[in-house]
Amino acid sequence: MKTLLVLGASSDIGIFLIKRVHRSYGHIWAHYFHWNDKLEDLKELLGEKIQFICADLFSISDCEKLTDIIRNSEFLPNHIVLLPMTKIIAQKFIKTKWEDFNNGWEVSIRSAVLLLHAFLPIMKKKKSGKVVFMLSSVTSNTPPKYESAYITVKYALLGLMKSLAAEYTGSGVCINGVSPDMIQTKFLNDLPRLLVAQYAETRPQKRILNVDEIIPIFEFLLSDNANAISGENIVIQ
């Protein structure tokens, strides 16, 4: 039975992804920190197939508890999607505090490392598994100004993805990243509207992406059609 674990399932992307792929799984673990109406809808839609876990990723003990709960269950994940990221702070580097860098590091990097420490060896033993990192188009193009903390963490995630893909080559575990351009989600709520509009004007389609435009890439990387793909960073613009 295939089991999916989505870290950051309460995000707009997490909700949409689970709705899109749930028929391919016998069980789904959905991590969240703040409950919302969309999670309630998922609960009603999927019933016992989905199991929610609340964890504050800023807390190392919460990360460890989350991992222990899953590891001690009968539903060990063979597919993992890593979505967590702190919100973008648009400000000059000189005004960006170390805490802004560290917050992104704890939420995105540390949570991924702890989780994958627990479950990559199991996937390797079973010679089957998929891991998909949520990255960003800033890892492949000239990045925007005034987002040094966000960009630094995304590059660190890219490095983690690439190194793990190399280490697990030939193991049956495929590890990839998806790097979309700016997406219309609640993640943008703290950015000035004018800044978002100005950025949209610079894009090929003169707009930012919608969630439904990136979910098919996640779906593909989680499918058997992507069994020969690992170590790739797929950019969507």
Protein backbone atom coordinates (compact mmCIF):
# COMPACT_ATOMS: atom_id res chain seq x y z
CA MET A 1 0.00 0.00 0.00
CA LYS A 2 1.30 3.44 -0.90
CA THR A 3 1.45 5.98 1.92
CA LEU A 4 1.96 9.70 1.38
CA LEU A 5 3.35 12.12 3.95
CA VAL A 6 2.89 15.83 3.26
CA LEU A 7 4.82 18.20 5.51
CA GLY A 8 3.04 21.53 5.34
CA ALA A 9 -0.29 20.04 4.28
CA SER A 10 -2.25 23.04 5.54
CA SER A 11 -0.73 25.26 2.83
CA ASP A 12 -2.67 26.05 -0.33
CA ILE A 13 -0.34 23.78 -2.29
CA GLY A 14 -0.62 20.97 0.27
CA ILE A 15 -4.43 21.05 0.22
CA PHE A 16 -4.63 21.09 -3.57
CA LEU A 17 -2.02 18.34 -3.92
CA ILE A 18 -3.80 15.96 -1.55
CA LYS A 19 -7.12 16.51 -3.32
CA ARG A 20 -5.42 15.76 -6.62
CA VAL A 21 -3.51 12.58 -5.69
CA HIS A 22 -5.45 10.97 -2.84
CA ARG A 23 -6.88 8.19 -5.01
CA SER A 24 -3.35 6.86 -5.56
CA TYR A 25 -2.78 6.24 -1.84
CA GLY A 26 -4.10 3.91 0.80
CA HIS A 27 -3.13 6.30 3.59
CA ILE A 28 -2.11 9.96 3.84
CA TRP A 29 -0.31 11.72 6.68
CA ALA A 30 -1.06 15.45 6.68
CA HIS A 31 1.09 17.70 8.85
CA TYR A 32 -0.25 21.07 9.96
CA PHE A 33 0.33 23.65 12.68
CA HIS A 34 -2.77 25.85 12.35
CA TRP A 35 -6.05 24.09 11.59
CA ASN A 36 -8.21 25.69 8.90
CA ASP A 37 -11.47 25.14 7.02
CA LYS A 38 -9.71 23.56 4.06
CA LEU A 39 -8.28 20.87 6.31
CA GLU A 40 -11.77 20.28 7.64
CA ASP A 41 -12.94 19.78 4.06
CA LEU A 42 -10.16 17.22 3.51
CA LYS A 43 -11.20 15.41 6.66
CA GLU A 44 -14.77 15.14 5.40
CA LEU A 45 -13.66 14.11 1.90
CA LEU A 46 -11.15 11.42 2.84
CA GLY A 47 -12.34 10.14 6.20
CA GLU A 48 -10.13 7.46 7.71
CA LYS A 49 -7.72 7.53 4.76
CA ILE A 50 -6.15 10.75 6.03
CA GLN A 51 -4.51 11.26 9.40
CA PHE A 52 -3.59 14.73 10.61
CA ILE A 53 -0.58 15.52 12.81
CA CYS A 54 -0.12 18.90 14.48
CA ALA A 55 3.50 19.98 14.96
CA ASP A 56 5.31 23.28 15.36
CA LEU A 57 8.35 22.92 13.10
CA PHE A 58 10.14 25.64 15.07
CA SER A 59 10.26 23.09 17.91
CA ILE A 60 12.77 20.26 17.56
CA SER A 61 10.80 18.20 20.09
CA ASP A 62 7.63 18.60 18.01
CA CYS A 63 9.55 17.47 14.90
CA GLU A 64 10.82 14.42 16.75
CA LYS A 65 7.35 13.59 18.11
CA LEU A 66 5.86 13.83 14.62
CA THR A 67 8.52 11.47 13.29
CA ASP A 68 8.05 9.03 16.19
CA ILE A 69 4.27 8.90 15.76
CA ILE A 70 4.61 7.96 12.10
CA ARG A 71 7.54 5.59 12.62
CA ASN A 72 5.64 3.67 15.31
CA SER A 73 2.52 3.31 13.17
CA GLU A 74 1.57 0.71 10.58
CA PHE A 75 1.62 3.38 7.86
CA LEU A 76 5.24 4.09 6.97
CA PRO A 77 5.51 6.67 4.19
CA ASN A 78 7.04 5.67 0.87
CA HIS A 79 6.25 9.06 -0.70
CA ILE A 80 7.16 12.34 1.03
CA VAL A 81 6.45 15.91 -0.07
CA LEU A 82 8.29 18.70 1.77
CA LEU A 83 6.51 22.06 1.57
CA PRO A 84 7.27 24.10 4.73
CA MET A 85 8.75 27.57 4.43
CA THR A 86 8.50 30.78 6.41
CA LYS A 87 6.89 33.71 4.63
CA ILE A 88 8.96 35.92 2.35
CA ILE A 89 10.23 39.09 3.98
CA ALA A 90 10.88 41.82 1.41
CA GLN A 91 13.63 44.00 2.85
CA LYS A 92 17.23 44.94 2.27
CA PHE A 93 19.90 42.54 3.49
CA ILE A 94 21.26 45.08 5.98
CA LYS A 95 17.85 45.15 7.69
CA THR A 96 17.40 41.38 7.63
CA LYS A 97 18.12 39.85 11.02
CA TRP A 98 19.90 36.56 11.61
CA GLU A 99 16.63 35.29 13.10
CA ASP A 100 15.01 35.63 9.68
CA PHE A 101 17.62 33.30 8.19
CA ASN A 102 17.48 30.93 11.16
CA ASN A 103 13.68 30.71 11.17
CA GLY A 104 13.68 29.51 7.58
CA TRP A 105 16.51 27.11 8.37
CA GLU A 106 14.63 25.53 11.27
CA VAL A 107 11.27 25.25 9.52
CA SER A 108 12.54 24.03 6.14
CA ILE A 109 15.98 22.45 6.54
CA ARG A 110 15.90 20.95 10.01
CA SER A 111 12.43 19.46 9.59
CA ALA A 112 13.45 17.86 6.29
CA VAL A 113 16.67 16.45 7.73
CA LEU A 114 14.96 14.92 10.78
CA LEU A 115 12.17 13.43 8.72
CA LEU A 116 14.43 12.00 6.04
CA HIS A 117 16.84 10.59 8.63
CA ALA A 118 13.92 8.50 9.84
CA PHE A 119 12.41 7.35 6.55
CA LEU A 120 15.01 7.33 3.77
CA PRO A 121 16.71 4.20 5.20
CA ILE A 122 13.34 2.42 5.20
CA MET A 123 12.70 3.43 1.59
CA LYS A 124 16.19 2.28 0.62
CA LYS A 125 15.63 -1.09 2.29
CA LYS A 126 12.39 -1.52 0.37
CA LYS A 127 14.09 -0.27 -2.82
CA SER A 128 11.24 2.12 -3.48
CA GLY A 129 10.35 5.67 -2.56
CA LYS A 130 9.74 9.22 -3.74
CA VAL A 131 10.73 12.51 -2.12
CA VAL A 132 9.75 15.86 -3.62
CA PHE A 133 11.11 19.15 -2.29
CA MET A 134 9.29 22.43 -2.78
CA LEU A 135 12.03 24.75 -4.03
CA SER A 136 11.76 27.98 -6.02
CA SER A 137 12.64 29.44 -9.39
CA VAL A 138 15.11 31.70 -7.56
CA THR A 139 17.46 28.68 -7.52
CA SER A 140 17.86 28.76 -11.29
CA ASN A 141 17.57 32.40 -12.35
CA THR A 142 18.83 35.77 -11.21
CA PRO A 143 16.87 36.14 -7.96
CA PRO A 144 14.77 39.14 -7.02
CA LYS A 145 16.21 41.80 -4.74
CA TYR A 146 15.51 42.09 -1.01
CA GLU A 147 14.73 38.42 -0.28
CA SER A 148 18.10 37.22 0.98
CA ALA A 149 16.78 35.00 3.81
CA TYR A 150 14.22 33.23 1.62
CA ILE A 151 16.67 32.74 -1.26
CA THR A 152 19.42 31.42 1.02
CA VAL A 153 17.13 28.76 2.50
CA LYS A 154 15.87 27.68 -0.92
CA TYR A 155 19.45 27.22 -2.14
CA ALA A 156 20.20 25.17 0.98
CA LEU A 157 17.20 22.95 0.22
CA LEU A 158 18.42 22.57 -3.35
CA GLY A 159 21.81 21.45 -2.03
CA LEU A 160 20.17 18.94 0.30
CA MET A 161 18.02 17.56 -2.50
CA LYS A 162 20.97 17.23 -4.89
CA SER A 163 23.24 15.58 -2.33
CA LEU A 164 20.59 13.06 -1.26
CA ALA A 165 19.73 12.22 -4.87
CA ALA A 166 23.41 11.49 -5.53
CA GLU A 167 23.77 9.42 -2.36
CA TYR A 168 20.67 7.34 -3.07
CA THR A 169 21.35 6.75 -6.77
CA GLY A 170 20.51 3.15 -7.66
CA SER A 171 18.57 2.57 -4.44
CA GLY A 172 15.11 2.80 -5.98
CA VAL A 173 14.47 6.09 -4.16
CA CYS A 174 13.84 9.11 -6.41
CA ILE A 175 14.51 12.54 -4.92
CA ASN A 176 13.59 15.67 -6.88
CA GLY A 177 12.63 19.32 -6.54
CA VAL A 178 9.94 21.55 -8.00
CA SER A 179 10.88 25.21 -8.48
CA PRO A 180 7.87 27.33 -9.39
CA ASP A 181 7.88 31.05 -9.95
CA MET A 182 5.77 33.21 -7.65
CA ILE A 183 2.39 31.56 -6.96
CA GLN A 184 -0.92 33.12 -5.98
CA THR A 185 -1.27 31.75 -2.44
CA LYS A 186 -1.67 33.07 1.11
CA PHE A 187 2.13 32.82 1.29
CA LEU A 188 2.21 36.23 -0.44
CA ASN A 189 0.01 37.94 2.14
CA ASP A 190 2.89 39.79 3.80
CA LEU A 191 4.30 41.15 0.55
CA PRO A 192 3.21 44.59 -0.69
CA ARG A 193 0.59 44.27 -3.44
CA LEU A 194 2.50 46.74 -5.60
CA LEU A 195 5.64 44.61 -5.38
CA VAL A 196 3.72 41.49 -6.47
CA ALA A 197 2.09 43.38 -9.35
CA GLN A 198 5.42 44.78 -10.51
CA TYR A 199 6.99 41.34 -10.42
CA ALA A 200 4.08 39.84 -12.38
CA GLU A 201 4.73 42.35 -15.18
CA THR A 202 8.24 40.95 -15.62
CA ARG A 203 7.05 37.35 -16.10
CA PRO A 204 6.57 35.70 -19.51
CA GLN A 205 2.78 35.52 -19.08
CA LYS A 206 2.55 38.92 -17.36
CA ARG A 207 1.07 37.28 -14.28
CA ILE A 208 2.03 35.04 -11.39
CA LEU A 209 1.24 31.34 -11.36
CA ASN A 210 -1.88 29.63 -10.03
CA VAL A 211 -1.62 26.62 -7.74
CA ASP A 212 -3.28 24.31 -10.25
CA GLU A 213 -0.48 25.01 -12.73
CA ILE A 214 2.22 23.45 -10.54
CA ILE A 215 0.40 20.51 -8.95
CA PRO A 216 0.65 18.29 -12.08
CA ILE A 217 4.46 18.38 -11.75
CA PHE A 218 4.27 17.08 -8.18
CA GLU A 219 1.77 14.47 -9.33
CA PHE A 220 4.10 13.33 -12.10
CA LEU A 221 7.17 13.09 -9.84
CA LEU A 222 5.18 10.97 -7.37
CA SER A 223 3.97 8.63 -10.11
CA ASP A 224 5.55 5.49 -11.55
CA ASN A 225 6.19 7.47 -14.73
CA ALA A 226 9.00 9.25 -12.88
CA ASN A 227 10.79 6.12 -11.63
CA ALA A 228 13.85 6.96 -13.75
CA ILE A 229 14.06 10.61 -12.65
CA SER A 230 16.12 11.72 -9.65
CA GLY A 231 18.18 14.75 -8.75
CA GLU A 232 16.21 17.08 -11.02
CA ASN A 233 15.10 20.59 -10.18
CA ILE A 234 12.07 21.28 -12.38
CA VAL A 235 11.49 24.99 -12.93
CA ILE A 236 7.97 26.29 -13.67
CA GLN A 237 7.48 29.83 -14.97
